[in-house]
All heavy atoms as atom14 arrays in JSON, in Angstrom:
{
  "sequence": "DMKVDGLATVEALKEFDTKKAAERLALGPIFEFDVKFQD",
  "atom14_mask": [
    [1, 1, 1, 1, 1, 1, 1, 1, 0, 0, 0, 0, 0, 0],
    [1, 1, 1, 1, 1, 1, 1, 1, 0, 0, 0, 0, 0, 0],
    [1, 1, 1, 1, 1, 1, 1, 1, 1, 0, 0, 0, 0, 0],
    [1, 1, 1, 1, 1, 1, 1, 0, 0, 0, 0, 0, 0, 0],
    [1, 1, 1, 1, 1, 1, 1, 1, 0, 0, 0, 0, 0, 0],
    [1, 1, 1, 1, 0, 0, 0, 0, 0, 0, 0, 0, 0, 0],
    [1, 1, 1, 1, 1, 1, 1, 1, 0, 0, 0, 0, 0, 0],
    [1, 1, 1, 1, 1, 0, 0, 0, 0, 0, 0, 0, 0, 0],
    [1, 1, 1, 1, 1, 1, 1, 0, 0, 0, 0, 0, 0, 0],
    [1, 1, 1, 1, 1, 1, 1, 0, 0, 0, 0, 0, 0, 0],
    [1, 1, 1, 1, 1, 1, 1, 1, 1, 0, 0, 0, 0, 0],
    [1, 1, 1, 1, 1, 0, 0, 0, 0, 0, 0, 0, 0, 0],
    [1, 1, 1, 1, 1, 1, 1, 1, 0, 0, 0, 0, 0, 0],
    [1, 1, 1, 1, 1, 1, 1, 1, 1, 0, 0, 0, 0, 0],
    [1, 1, 1, 1, 1, 1, 1, 1, 1, 0, 0, 0, 0, 0],
    [1, 1, 1, 1, 1, 1, 1, 1, 1, 1, 1, 0, 0, 0],
    [1, 1, 1, 1, 1, 1, 1, 1, 0, 0, 0, 0, 0, 0],
    [1, 1, 1, 1, 1, 1, 1, 0, 0, 0, 0, 0, 0, 0],
    [1, 1, 1, 1, 1, 1, 1, 1, 1, 0, 0, 0, 0, 0],
    [1, 1, 1, 1, 1, 1, 1, 1, 1, 0, 0, 0, 0, 0],
    [1, 1, 1, 1, 1, 0, 0, 0, 0, 0, 0, 0, 0, 0],
    [1, 1, 1, 1, 1, 0, 0, 0, 0, 0, 0, 0, 0, 0],
    [1, 1, 1, 1, 1, 1, 1, 1, 1, 0, 0, 0, 0, 0],
    [1, 1, 1, 1, 1, 1, 1, 1, 1, 1, 1, 0, 0, 0],
    [1, 1, 1, 1, 1, 1, 1, 1, 0, 0, 0, 0, 0, 0],
    [1, 1, 1, 1, 1, 0, 0, 0, 0, 0, 0, 0, 0, 0],
    [1, 1, 1, 1, 1, 1, 1, 1, 0, 0, 0, 0, 0, 0],
    [1, 1, 1, 1, 0, 0, 0, 0, 0, 0, 0, 0, 0, 0],
    [1, 1, 1, 1, 1, 1, 1, 0, 0, 0, 0, 0, 0, 0],
    [1, 1, 1, 1, 1, 1, 1, 1, 0, 0, 0, 0, 0, 0],
    [1, 1, 1, 1, 1, 1, 1, 1, 1, 1, 1, 0, 0, 0],
    [1, 1, 1, 1, 1, 1, 1, 1, 1, 0, 0, 0, 0, 0],
    [1, 1, 1, 1, 1, 1, 1, 1, 1, 1, 1, 0, 0, 0],
    [1, 1, 1, 1, 1, 1, 1, 1, 0, 0, 0, 0, 0, 0],
    [1, 1, 1, 1, 1, 1, 1, 0, 0, 0, 0, 0, 0, 0],
    [1, 1, 1, 1, 1, 1, 1, 1, 1, 0, 0, 0, 0, 0],
    [1, 1, 1, 1, 1, 1, 1, 1, 1, 1, 1, 0, 0, 0],
    [1, 1, 1, 1, 1, 1, 1, 1, 1, 0, 0, 0, 0, 0],
    [1, 1, 1, 1, 1, 1, 1, 1, 0, 0, 0, 0, 0, 0]
  ],
  "atom14_positions": [
    [[0.84, -1.18, 0.0], [0.0, 0.0, 0.0], [0.88, 1.24, 0.0], [1.76, 1.4, 0.85], [-0.91, 0.01, 1.23], [-1.95, -1.1, 1.17], [-2.28, -1.52, 0.05], [-2.4, -1.54, 2.25], [0.0, 0.0, 0.0], [0.0, 0.0, 0.0], [0.0, 0.0, 0.0], [0.0, 0.0, 0.0], [0.0, 0.0, 0.0], [0.0, 0.0, 0.0]],
    [[0.65, 2.14, -0.96], [1.43, 3.35, -1.06], [0.48, 4.54, -1.11], [-0.48, 4.54, -1.87], [2.29, 3.33, -2.33], [3.33, 2.22, -2.34], [4.27, 2.22, -3.87], [2.99, 1.85, -5.07], [0.0, 0.0, 0.0], [0.0, 0.0, 0.0], [0.0, 0.0, 0.0], [0.0, 0.0, 0.0], [0.0, 0.0, 0.0], [0.0, 0.0, 0.0]],
    [[0.76, 5.54, -0.31], [-0.08, 6.73, -0.29], [0.31, 7.64, -1.43], [1.46, 8.09, -1.53], [0.07, 7.47, 1.05], [-0.8, 8.72, 1.15], [-0.7, 9.33, 2.52], [-1.5, 10.63, 2.6], [-2.9, 10.45, 2.21], [0.0, 0.0, 0.0], [0.0, 0.0, 0.0], [0.0, 0.0, 0.0], [0.0, 0.0, 0.0], [0.0, 0.0, 0.0]],
    [[-0.63, 7.92, -2.32], [-0.39, 8.79, -3.48], [-1.48, 9.85, -3.5], [-2.66, 9.53, -3.5], [-0.42, 7.98, -4.8], [-0.23, 8.92, -5.98], [0.66, 6.91, -4.79], [0.0, 0.0, 0.0], [0.0, 0.0, 0.0], [0.0, 0.0, 0.0], [0.0, 0.0, 0.0], [0.0, 0.0, 0.0], [0.0, 0.0, 0.0], [0.0, 0.0, 0.0]],
    [[-1.06, 11.11, -3.47], [-2.01, 12.21, -3.57], [-2.23, 12.55, -5.04], [-1.28, 12.72, -5.79], [-1.48, 13.46, -2.83], [-1.37, 13.21, -1.33], [-2.21, 12.47, -0.81], [-0.44, 13.75, -0.72], [0.0, 0.0, 0.0], [0.0, 0.0, 0.0], [0.0, 0.0, 0.0], [0.0, 0.0, 0.0], [0.0, 0.0, 0.0], [0.0, 0.0, 0.0]],
    [[-3.51, 12.68, -5.43], [-3.79, 12.95, -6.83], [-3.66, 11.7, -7.67], [-3.78, 10.57, -7.18], [0.0, 0.0, 0.0], [0.0, 0.0, 0.0], [0.0, 0.0, 0.0], [0.0, 0.0, 0.0], [0.0, 0.0, 0.0], [0.0, 0.0, 0.0], [0.0, 0.0, 0.0], [0.0, 0.0, 0.0], [0.0, 0.0, 0.0], [0.0, 0.0, 0.0]],
    [[-3.38, 11.88, -8.98], [-3.27, 10.74, -9.87], [-1.95, 9.99, -9.69], [-1.9, 8.76, -9.78], [-3.39, 11.19, -11.33], [-4.78, 11.62, -11.81], [-4.73, 11.96, -13.29], [-5.8, 10.52, -11.57], [0.0, 0.0, 0.0], [0.0, 0.0, 0.0], [0.0, 0.0, 0.0], [0.0, 0.0, 0.0], [0.0, 0.0, 0.0], [0.0, 0.0, 0.0]],
    [[-0.86, 10.74, -9.45], [0.44, 10.1, -9.35], [1.44, 11.04, -8.68], [1.2, 12.23, -8.54], [0.95, 9.72, -10.75], [0.0, 0.0, 0.0], [0.0, 0.0, 0.0], [0.0, 0.0, 0.0], [0.0, 0.0, 0.0], [0.0, 0.0, 0.0], [0.0, 0.0, 0.0], [0.0, 0.0, 0.0], [0.0, 0.0, 0.0], [0.0, 0.0, 0.0]],
    [[2.56, 10.46, -8.27], [3.69, 11.24, -7.77], [4.94, 10.81, -8.54], [5.02, 9.68, -9.06], [3.94, 11.01, -6.27], [4.28, 9.64, -6.05], [2.7, 11.37, -5.46], [0.0, 0.0, 0.0], [0.0, 0.0, 0.0], [0.0, 0.0, 0.0], [0.0, 0.0, 0.0], [0.0, 0.0, 0.0], [0.0, 0.0, 0.0], [0.0, 0.0, 0.0]],
    [[5.92, 11.71, -8.62], [7.19, 11.38, -9.28], [8.33, 11.82, -8.37], [8.27, 12.87, -7.74], [7.3, 12.06, -10.66], [7.25, 13.58, -10.56], [8.57, 11.6, -11.37], [0.0, 0.0, 0.0], [0.0, 0.0, 0.0], [0.0, 0.0, 0.0], [0.0, 0.0, 0.0], [0.0, 0.0, 0.0], [0.0, 0.0, 0.0], [0.0, 0.0, 0.0]],
    [[9.36, 10.98, -8.3], [10.51, 11.26, -7.44], [11.8, 11.01, -8.23], [11.94, 9.97, -8.89], [10.49, 10.38, -6.2], [11.66, 10.6, -5.26], [11.62, 9.69, -4.05], [10.76, 8.79, -4.02], [12.47, 9.87, -3.15], [0.0, 0.0, 0.0], [0.0, 0.0, 0.0], [0.0, 0.0, 0.0], [0.0, 0.0, 0.0], [0.0, 0.0, 0.0]],
    [[12.72, 11.96, -8.19], [14.01, 11.8, -8.85], [14.87, 10.82, -8.06], [14.98, 10.91, -6.85], [14.7, 13.14, -8.98], [0.0, 0.0, 0.0], [0.0, 0.0, 0.0], [0.0, 0.0, 0.0], [0.0, 0.0, 0.0], [0.0, 0.0, 0.0], [0.0, 0.0, 0.0], [0.0, 0.0, 0.0], [0.0, 0.0, 0.0], [0.0, 0.0, 0.0]],
    [[15.49, 9.88, -8.77], [16.39, 8.91, -8.15], [17.82, 9.34, -8.41], [18.26, 9.41, -9.55], [16.13, 7.51, -8.71], [14.7, 6.98, -8.53], [14.57, 5.61, -9.19], [14.33, 6.9, -7.06], [0.0, 0.0, 0.0], [0.0, 0.0, 0.0], [0.0, 0.0, 0.0], [0.0, 0.0, 0.0], [0.0, 0.0, 0.0], [0.0, 0.0, 0.0]],
    [[18.55, 9.65, -7.36], [19.92, 10.15, -7.51], [20.92, 9.0, -7.65], [21.95, 9.13, -8.33], [20.28, 11.04, -6.32], [19.33, 12.22, -6.15], [19.33, 13.13, -7.37], [18.3, 14.24, -7.26], [18.6, 15.21, -6.2], [0.0, 0.0, 0.0], [0.0, 0.0, 0.0], [0.0, 0.0, 0.0], [0.0, 0.0, 0.0], [0.0, 0.0, 0.0]],
    [[20.67, 7.89, -6.98], [21.55, 6.73, -7.07], [20.72, 5.51, -7.47], [19.75, 5.17, -6.82], [22.25, 6.47, -5.73], [23.19, 7.59, -5.3], [24.36, 7.75, -6.24], [24.77, 6.74, -6.86], [24.89, 8.88, -6.36], [0.0, 0.0, 0.0], [0.0, 0.0, 0.0], [0.0, 0.0, 0.0], [0.0, 0.0, 0.0], [0.0, 0.0, 0.0]],
    [[21.12, 4.86, -8.56], [20.39, 3.68, -9.03], [21.34, 2.83, -9.86], [22.37, 3.3, -10.37], [19.15, 4.09, -9.83], [19.4, 5.15, -10.87], [19.67, 4.81, -12.18], [19.35, 6.49, -10.52], [19.91, 5.78, -13.13], [19.57, 7.48, -11.47], [19.85, 7.12, -12.78], [0.0, 0.0, 0.0], [0.0, 0.0, 0.0], [0.0, 0.0, 0.0]],
    [[21.01, 1.56, -10.01], [21.9, 0.61, -10.66], [22.18, 0.96, -12.11], [23.29, 0.75, -12.61], [21.32, -0.81, -10.56], [21.36, -1.34, -9.14], [22.14, -0.79, -8.33], [20.62, -2.3, -8.84], [0.0, 0.0, 0.0], [0.0, 0.0, 0.0], [0.0, 0.0, 0.0], [0.0, 0.0, 0.0], [0.0, 0.0, 0.0], [0.0, 0.0, 0.0]],
    [[21.16, 1.47, -12.83], [21.35, 1.83, -14.24], [22.41, 2.92, -14.38], [23.23, 2.9, -15.29], [20.03, 2.3, -14.85], [18.95, 1.53, -14.35], [20.06, 2.18, -16.36], [0.0, 0.0, 0.0], [0.0, 0.0, 0.0], [0.0, 0.0, 0.0], [0.0, 0.0, 0.0], [0.0, 0.0, 0.0], [0.0, 0.0, 0.0], [0.0, 0.0, 0.0]],
    [[22.39, 3.89, -13.46], [23.37, 4.97, -13.49], [24.78, 4.44, -13.25], [25.74, 4.84, -13.93], [23.02, 6.02, -12.44], [24.01, 7.16, -12.35], [23.64, 8.13, -11.25], [24.66, 9.25, -11.12], [24.34, 10.17, -10.01], [0.0, 0.0, 0.0], [0.0, 0.0, 0.0], [0.0, 0.0, 0.0], [0.0, 0.0, 0.0], [0.0, 0.0, 0.0]],
    [[24.92, 3.54, -12.28], [26.23, 2.98, -11.98], [26.8, 2.23, -13.18], [27.99, 2.33, -13.49], [26.13, 2.05, -10.77], [25.73, 2.75, -9.48], [25.54, 1.76, -8.35], [25.07, 2.47, -7.08], [24.79, 1.5, -5.98], [0.0, 0.0, 0.0], [0.0, 0.0, 0.0], [0.0, 0.0, 0.0], [0.0, 0.0, 0.0], [0.0, 0.0, 0.0]],
    [[25.92, 1.5, -13.87], [26.38, 0.77, -15.06], [26.77, 1.73, -16.17], [27.77, 1.52, -16.86], [25.27, -0.17, -15.55], [0.0, 0.0, 0.0], [0.0, 0.0, 0.0], [0.0, 0.0, 0.0], [0.0, 0.0, 0.0], [0.0, 0.0, 0.0], [0.0, 0.0, 0.0], [0.0, 0.0, 0.0], [0.0, 0.0, 0.0], [0.0, 0.0, 0.0]],
    [[25.98, 2.81, -16.35], [26.28, 3.8, -17.38], [27.63, 4.46, -17.11], [28.4, 4.72, -18.04], [25.17, 4.84, -17.44], [0.0, 0.0, 0.0], [0.0, 0.0, 0.0], [0.0, 0.0, 0.0], [0.0, 0.0, 0.0], [0.0, 0.0, 0.0], [0.0, 0.0, 0.0], [0.0, 0.0, 0.0], [0.0, 0.0, 0.0], [0.0, 0.0, 0.0]],
    [[27.92, 4.73, -15.85], [29.2, 5.36, -15.5], [30.36, 4.4, -15.76], [31.42, 4.8, -16.23], [29.18, 5.81, -14.04], [28.24, 6.99, -13.79], [28.12, 7.32, -12.32], [28.53, 6.49, -11.48], [27.6, 8.42, -12.0], [0.0, 0.0, 0.0], [0.0, 0.0, 0.0], [0.0, 0.0, 0.0], [0.0, 0.0, 0.0], [0.0, 0.0, 0.0]],
    [[30.16, 3.12, -15.45], [31.23, 2.14, -15.7], [31.5, 1.99, -17.19], [32.62, 1.75, -17.62], [30.85, 0.78, -15.09], [30.92, 0.74, -13.58], [30.93, -0.69, -13.08], [29.71, -1.39, -13.42], [28.64, -1.46, -12.64], [28.65, -0.84, -11.46], [27.58, -2.12, -13.01], [0.0, 0.0, 0.0], [0.0, 0.0, 0.0], [0.0, 0.0, 0.0]],
    [[30.44, 2.13, -18.01], [30.58, 1.98, -19.46], [30.96, 3.28, -20.15], [31.07, 3.33, -21.37], [29.26, 1.45, -20.05], [28.83, 0.06, -19.6], [27.42, -0.25, -20.07], [29.81, -0.99, -20.11], [0.0, 0.0, 0.0], [0.0, 0.0, 0.0], [0.0, 0.0, 0.0], [0.0, 0.0, 0.0], [0.0, 0.0, 0.0], [0.0, 0.0, 0.0]],
    [[31.14, 4.34, -19.35], [31.5, 5.67, -19.89], [30.46, 6.17, -20.89], [30.79, 6.72, -21.94], [32.89, 5.61, -20.53], [0.0, 0.0, 0.0], [0.0, 0.0, 0.0], [0.0, 0.0, 0.0], [0.0, 0.0, 0.0], [0.0, 0.0, 0.0], [0.0, 0.0, 0.0], [0.0, 0.0, 0.0], [0.0, 0.0, 0.0], [0.0, 0.0, 0.0]],
    [[29.19, 5.96, -20.56], [28.11, 6.47, -21.41], [27.78, 7.91, -21.0], [28.37, 8.46, -20.08], [26.88, 5.58, -21.26], [27.07, 4.11, -21.65], [25.79, 3.33, -21.41], [27.5, 3.99, -23.1], [0.0, 0.0, 0.0], [0.0, 0.0, 0.0], [0.0, 0.0, 0.0], [0.0, 0.0, 0.0], [0.0, 0.0, 0.0], [0.0, 0.0, 0.0]],
    [[26.82, 8.49, -21.69], [26.43, 9.86, -21.39], [25.55, 9.94, -20.16], [25.37, 8.95, -19.44], [0.0, 0.0, 0.0], [0.0, 0.0, 0.0], [0.0, 0.0, 0.0], [0.0, 0.0, 0.0], [0.0, 0.0, 0.0], [0.0, 0.0, 0.0], [0.0, 0.0, 0.0], [0.0, 0.0, 0.0], [0.0, 0.0, 0.0], [0.0, 0.0, 0.0]],
    [[24.97, 11.12, -19.9], [24.14, 11.31, -18.71], [22.9, 10.43, -18.75], [22.38, 10.1, -19.81], [23.78, 12.79, -18.76], [23.92, 13.17, -20.19], [25.05, 12.34, -20.72], [0.0, 0.0, 0.0], [0.0, 0.0, 0.0], [0.0, 0.0, 0.0], [0.0, 0.0, 0.0], [0.0, 0.0, 0.0], [0.0, 0.0, 0.0], [0.0, 0.0, 0.0]],
    [[22.42, 10.08, -17.57], [21.22, 9.25, -17.45], [20.42, 9.72, -16.25], [20.97, 10.03, -15.19], [21.6, 7.75, -17.34], [20.36, 6.87, -17.35], [22.47, 7.48, -16.14], [20.67, 5.4, -17.54], [0.0, 0.0, 0.0], [0.0, 0.0, 0.0], [0.0, 0.0, 0.0], [0.0, 0.0, 0.0], [0.0, 0.0, 0.0], [0.0, 0.0, 0.0]],
    [[19.11, 9.81, -16.43], [18.2, 10.24, -15.37], [17.18, 9.13, -15.14], [16.73, 8.47, -16.08], [17.44, 11.51, -15.77], [18.32, 12.67, -16.14], [18.71, 12.87, -17.45], [18.75, 13.58, -15.18], [19.51, 13.95, -17.81], [19.54, 14.66, -15.52], [19.93, 14.84, -16.84], [0.0, 0.0, 0.0], [0.0, 0.0, 0.0], [0.0, 0.0, 0.0]],
    [[16.78, 8.96, -13.89], [15.77, 7.96, -13.6], [14.82, 8.47, -12.51], [15.23, 9.19, -11.6], [16.41, 6.64, -13.17], [15.46, 5.45, -13.24], [16.2, 4.13, -13.26], [16.92, 3.84, -14.25], [16.07, 3.38, -12.26], [0.0, 0.0, 0.0], [0.0, 0.0, 0.0], [0.0, 0.0, 0.0], [0.0, 0.0, 0.0], [0.0, 0.0, 0.0]],
    [[13.55, 8.06, -12.62], [12.5, 8.53, -11.71], [11.62, 7.37, -11.29], [11.41, 6.42, -12.04], [11.63, 9.59, -12.4], [12.39, 10.78, -12.89], [13.0, 10.75, -14.14], [12.49, 11.93, -12.12], [13.72, 11.84, -14.61], [13.2, 13.02, -12.58], [13.82, 12.98, -13.82], [0.0, 0.0, 0.0], [0.0, 0.0, 0.0], [0.0, 0.0, 0.0]],
    [[11.08, 7.49, -10.09], [10.1, 6.54, -9.58], [8.72, 7.21, -9.64], [8.51, 8.24, -9.02], [10.44, 6.13, -8.15], [9.46, 5.1, -7.6], [8.87, 4.35, -8.41], [9.27, 5.05, -6.38], [0.0, 0.0, 0.0], [0.0, 0.0, 0.0], [0.0, 0.0, 0.0], [0.0, 0.0, 0.0], [0.0, 0.0, 0.0], [0.0, 0.0, 0.0]],
    [[7.81, 6.62, -10.41], [6.44, 7.15, -10.53], [5.5, 6.19, -9.84], [5.51, 4.98, -10.11], [6.02, 7.32, -12.01], [4.64, 7.95, -12.09], [7.04, 8.18, -12.76], [0.0, 0.0, 0.0], [0.0, 0.0, 0.0], [0.0, 0.0, 0.0], [0.0, 0.0, 0.0], [0.0, 0.0, 0.0], [0.0, 0.0, 0.0], [0.0, 0.0, 0.0]],
    [[4.68, 6.73, -8.93], [3.69, 5.91, -8.23], [2.3, 6.41, -8.58], [2.05, 7.62, -8.59], [3.91, 5.97, -6.71], [5.19, 5.27, -6.25], [5.33, 5.3, -4.75], [6.48, 4.42, -4.27], [7.79, 4.87, -4.77], [0.0, 0.0, 0.0], [0.0, 0.0, 0.0], [0.0, 0.0, 0.0], [0.0, 0.0, 0.0], [0.0, 0.0, 0.0]],
    [[1.38, 5.48, -8.83], [0.04, 5.8, -9.3], [-1.0, 5.47, -8.23], [-0.9, 4.44, -7.55], [-0.3, 5.02, -10.57], [0.64, 5.27, -11.71], [1.73, 4.44, -11.92], [0.45, 6.35, -12.56], [2.61, 4.66, -12.96], [1.34, 6.6, -13.6], [2.41, 5.75, -13.81], [0.0, 0.0, 0.0], [0.0, 0.0, 0.0], [0.0, 0.0, 0.0]],
    [[-1.99, 6.34, -8.11], [-3.12, 6.07, -7.23], [-3.95, 4.92, -7.79], [-4.31, 3.99, -7.09], [-3.99, 7.33, -7.08], [-5.26, 7.14, -6.26], [-4.96, 6.93, -4.8], [-3.95, 7.43, -4.3], [-5.8, 6.2, -4.1], [0.0, 0.0, 0.0], [0.0, 0.0, 0.0], [0.0, 0.0, 0.0], [0.0, 0.0, 0.0], [0.0, 0.0, 0.0]],
    [[-4.28, 5.0, -9.06], [-5.03, 3.95, -9.74], [-4.44, 3.78, -11.14], [-4.82, 4.48, -12.07], [-6.52, 4.32, -9.83], [-7.37, 3.17, -10.31], [-6.8, 2.19, -10.84], [-8.61, 3.23, -10.17], [0.0, 0.0, 0.0], [0.0, 0.0, 0.0], [0.0, 0.0, 0.0], [0.0, 0.0, 0.0], [0.0, 0.0, 0.0], [0.0, 0.0, 0.0]]
  ]
}
């Protein structure tokens, strides 16, 4: 159960596995977000 106000919420993820892999592979910038939905 997750409390979500409105239709959805979005949160920026500063540390995540995809970013660590991108840095190891010397790729460009990468952004990732967690989106949670009420319904």
